[in-house]
Amino acid sequence: MKELPEPKLSLLGHMELSVAKPHLPEKTPVGNRRIIQVTGGKFEGEYFNAKVLPGGDDWITVREDGTIIQDVRITLETDDGEIILMTYRGIRTGERAVLNRLDQGEAVDPDEYYFRTNPVFETGSEKYHWMNNRIFISNGIRMPEGVSYSIYTVE
C-alpha cells in the first residue's frame, strides 16, 4: 500500500476567551459536569480578526481522573461584519496534581499538561465559506482569567 504524504499544519490564528465562574451541578450518570459561560474574547489571524460574542458556553465533563472533555459553542463576528459559528470538542489532561492546580486557578506551564481541541467552523458568508470545508486543530492553555488557543488548518 502506498504511504500518503503527512498532513501539514498552517496557522489560522490565535483566540483568547474570557469566561465566567463555572456552574458546578452535581454528579450525573455521565460524570461531574461544569457549565462555563463564555463572556467574550477575540480571534486574530492572517485571514480575519473577530470578536467573540458573549453568550457561548463550555459544557465540560470531568472524568474520575480529573481529565476534562469540552463541548463548546461560540459565535465570532469578524471585523468586516460576518458571523462565523464555532464549535469544538477538546480534552485537557495531565497528572492529578497539575490538574488540581489548574482547577484552583493557578498559572501552569502548558508543557505540564495536554490540551487539544478540534474546532469546526460554520458560516453562511461567501467570503469565509472555505472554513466550512476544512479540518482544524488547536492547542490550548488555561489561564486564571480564561483560555487561549492557537488554531491550525490541516492542509
Protein backbone atom coordinates (compact mmCIF):
# COMPACT_ATOMS: atom_id res chain seq x y z
CA MET A 1 0.00 0.00 0.00
CA LYS A 2 1.28 3.43 -0.91
CA GLU A 3 2.08 5.74 2.00
CA LEU A 4 0.30 9.08 1.72
CA PRO A 5 2.05 12.35 2.46
CA GLU A 6 1.97 13.52 6.06
CA PRO A 7 -0.60 16.29 6.67
CA LYS A 8 0.79 19.77 7.21
CA LEU A 9 -0.48 22.47 9.53
CA SER A 10 -0.78 26.17 8.81
CA LEU A 11 -1.63 28.71 11.48
CA LEU A 12 -5.17 30.08 11.17
CA GLY A 13 -4.85 32.35 14.19
CA HIS A 14 -4.92 32.85 17.93
CA MET A 15 -8.02 33.09 20.08
CA GLU A 16 -8.48 34.22 23.67
CA LEU A 17 -11.70 33.63 25.58
CA SER A 18 -12.85 35.23 28.80
CA VAL A 19 -15.11 33.07 30.92
CA ALA A 20 -17.40 33.37 33.94
CA LYS A 21 -17.09 31.24 37.05
CA PRO A 22 -18.31 27.70 36.42
CA HIS A 23 -21.72 26.43 37.44
CA LEU A 24 -21.00 23.18 39.23
CA PRO A 25 -24.02 20.88 39.04
CA GLU A 26 -23.97 17.61 40.91
CA LYS A 27 -22.54 14.43 39.51
CA THR A 28 -24.63 12.93 36.72
CA PRO A 29 -24.57 9.37 35.34
CA VAL A 30 -22.07 10.64 32.72
CA GLY A 31 -19.67 12.27 35.22
CA ASN A 32 -19.20 15.56 37.01
CA ARG A 33 -20.41 18.49 34.94
CA ARG A 34 -19.23 22.08 34.79
CA ILE A 35 -21.00 24.67 32.67
CA ILE A 36 -18.85 27.70 31.94
CA GLN A 37 -20.26 30.75 30.16
CA VAL A 38 -18.02 32.40 27.56
CA THR A 39 -18.33 36.15 28.21
CA GLY A 40 -16.24 37.43 25.28
CA GLY A 41 -12.85 37.30 23.63
CA LYS A 42 -11.02 37.86 20.39
CA PHE A 43 -9.63 36.00 17.40
CA GLU A 44 -6.62 37.34 15.48
CA GLY A 45 -5.26 35.78 12.32
CA GLU A 46 -3.93 36.30 8.82
CA TYR A 47 -7.33 35.86 7.13
CA PHE A 48 -9.59 37.66 9.60
CA ASN A 49 -9.90 39.23 13.02
CA ALA A 50 -13.04 38.83 15.09
CA LYS A 51 -14.60 39.42 18.44
CA VAL A 52 -16.17 36.56 20.37
CA LEU A 53 -19.76 37.48 21.13
CA PRO A 54 -20.98 36.91 24.68
CA GLY A 55 -23.36 34.03 25.27
CA GLY A 56 -21.38 30.94 24.32
CA ASP A 57 -20.95 28.01 26.68
CA ASP A 58 -18.47 25.27 27.51
CA TRP A 59 -20.22 22.14 28.78
CA ILE A 60 -17.45 20.21 30.47
CA THR A 61 -17.49 16.60 31.64
CA VAL A 62 -14.92 15.86 34.35
CA ARG A 63 -13.73 12.25 34.39
CA GLU A 64 -12.77 10.39 37.57
CA ASP A 65 -9.05 11.02 36.88
CA GLY A 66 -9.61 14.80 36.57
CA THR A 67 -9.44 14.88 32.75
CA ILE A 68 -11.93 17.28 31.22
CA ILE A 69 -13.82 16.79 27.98
CA GLN A 70 -15.02 20.06 26.45
CA ASP A 71 -18.12 20.70 24.36
CA VAL A 72 -18.03 24.38 23.33
CA ARG A 73 -20.23 26.60 21.18
CA ILE A 74 -19.36 30.24 20.48
CA THR A 75 -20.08 32.91 17.87
CA LEU A 76 -17.45 35.06 16.14
CA GLU A 77 -18.19 38.39 14.49
CA THR A 78 -15.45 39.37 12.04
CA ASP A 79 -14.15 42.93 11.69
CA ASP A 80 -15.98 43.09 8.35
CA GLY A 81 -19.32 42.13 9.94
CA GLU A 82 -19.56 38.45 9.03
CA ILE A 83 -20.80 35.82 11.51
CA ILE A 84 -18.92 32.54 11.98
CA LEU A 85 -20.23 29.84 14.29
CA MET A 86 -17.53 27.83 16.05
CA THR A 87 -17.92 24.57 17.94
CA TYR A 88 -15.23 22.36 19.34
CA ARG A 89 -14.66 19.31 21.44
CA GLY A 90 -11.46 19.05 23.35
CA ILE A 91 -9.52 17.29 26.06
CA ARG A 92 -7.36 18.62 28.88
CA THR A 93 -5.46 16.05 30.88
CA GLY A 94 -2.31 15.54 32.88
CA GLU A 95 -1.06 14.47 36.26
CA ARG A 96 -3.65 14.87 39.01
CA ALA A 97 -1.54 17.47 40.90
CA VAL A 98 -1.23 19.61 37.75
CA LEU A 99 -4.97 19.38 37.03
CA ASN A 100 -5.71 20.39 40.64
CA ARG A 101 -3.51 23.47 40.22
CA LEU A 102 -5.40 24.41 37.05
CA ASP A 103 -8.74 23.93 38.84
CA GLN A 104 -7.55 26.25 41.62
CA GLY A 105 -6.90 28.99 39.04
CA GLU A 106 -3.10 28.82 39.13
CA ALA A 107 -0.98 29.69 36.09
CA VAL A 108 0.55 26.41 34.93
CA ASP A 109 3.16 25.92 32.19
CA PRO A 110 1.32 24.35 29.20
CA ASP A 111 4.15 21.83 28.81
CA GLU A 112 2.89 20.24 32.06
CA TYR A 113 -0.44 19.10 30.59
CA TYR A 114 -2.11 18.09 27.32
CA PHE A 115 -4.81 20.46 25.99
CA ARG A 116 -6.08 20.00 22.41
CA THR A 117 -9.32 20.70 20.57
CA ASN A 118 -10.84 20.13 17.14
CA PRO A 119 -12.69 23.28 16.06
CA VAL A 120 -15.43 23.19 13.44
CA PHE A 121 -16.48 26.42 11.75
CA GLU A 122 -19.83 27.08 10.09
CA THR A 123 -20.80 30.21 8.20
CA GLY A 124 -23.17 31.43 5.52
CA SER A 125 -20.62 34.05 4.47
CA GLU A 126 -19.36 33.69 0.91
CA LYS A 127 -16.06 35.30 1.89
CA TYR A 128 -15.37 32.72 4.62
CA HIS A 129 -17.17 29.75 3.03
CA TRP A 130 -13.85 27.89 2.71
CA MET A 131 -13.89 27.44 6.51
CA ASN A 132 -16.93 25.15 6.16
CA ASN A 133 -14.76 22.73 4.19
CA ARG A 134 -11.57 22.35 6.24
CA ILE A 135 -10.34 20.41 9.27
CA PHE A 136 -8.83 22.38 12.15
CA ILE A 137 -6.98 21.51 15.34
CA SER A 138 -5.71 23.63 18.18
CA ASN A 139 -3.56 23.57 21.25
CA GLY A 140 -4.62 25.47 24.31
CA ILE A 141 -3.53 26.96 27.59
CA ARG A 142 -5.73 27.52 30.63
CA MET A 143 -5.03 30.85 32.29
CA PRO A 144 -6.54 32.10 35.56
CA GLU A 145 -8.83 34.51 33.68
CA GLY A 146 -9.71 32.36 30.65
CA VAL A 147 -8.24 30.24 27.89
CA SER A 148 -6.05 30.85 24.86
CA TYR A 149 -5.77 28.75 21.70
CA SER A 150 -3.53 28.56 18.66
CA ILE A 151 -5.69 27.19 15.85
CA TYR A 152 -4.29 25.43 12.80
CA THR A 153 -5.71 24.37 9.45
CA VAL A 154 -4.86 20.79 8.46
CA GLU A 155 -3.55 21.01 4.88
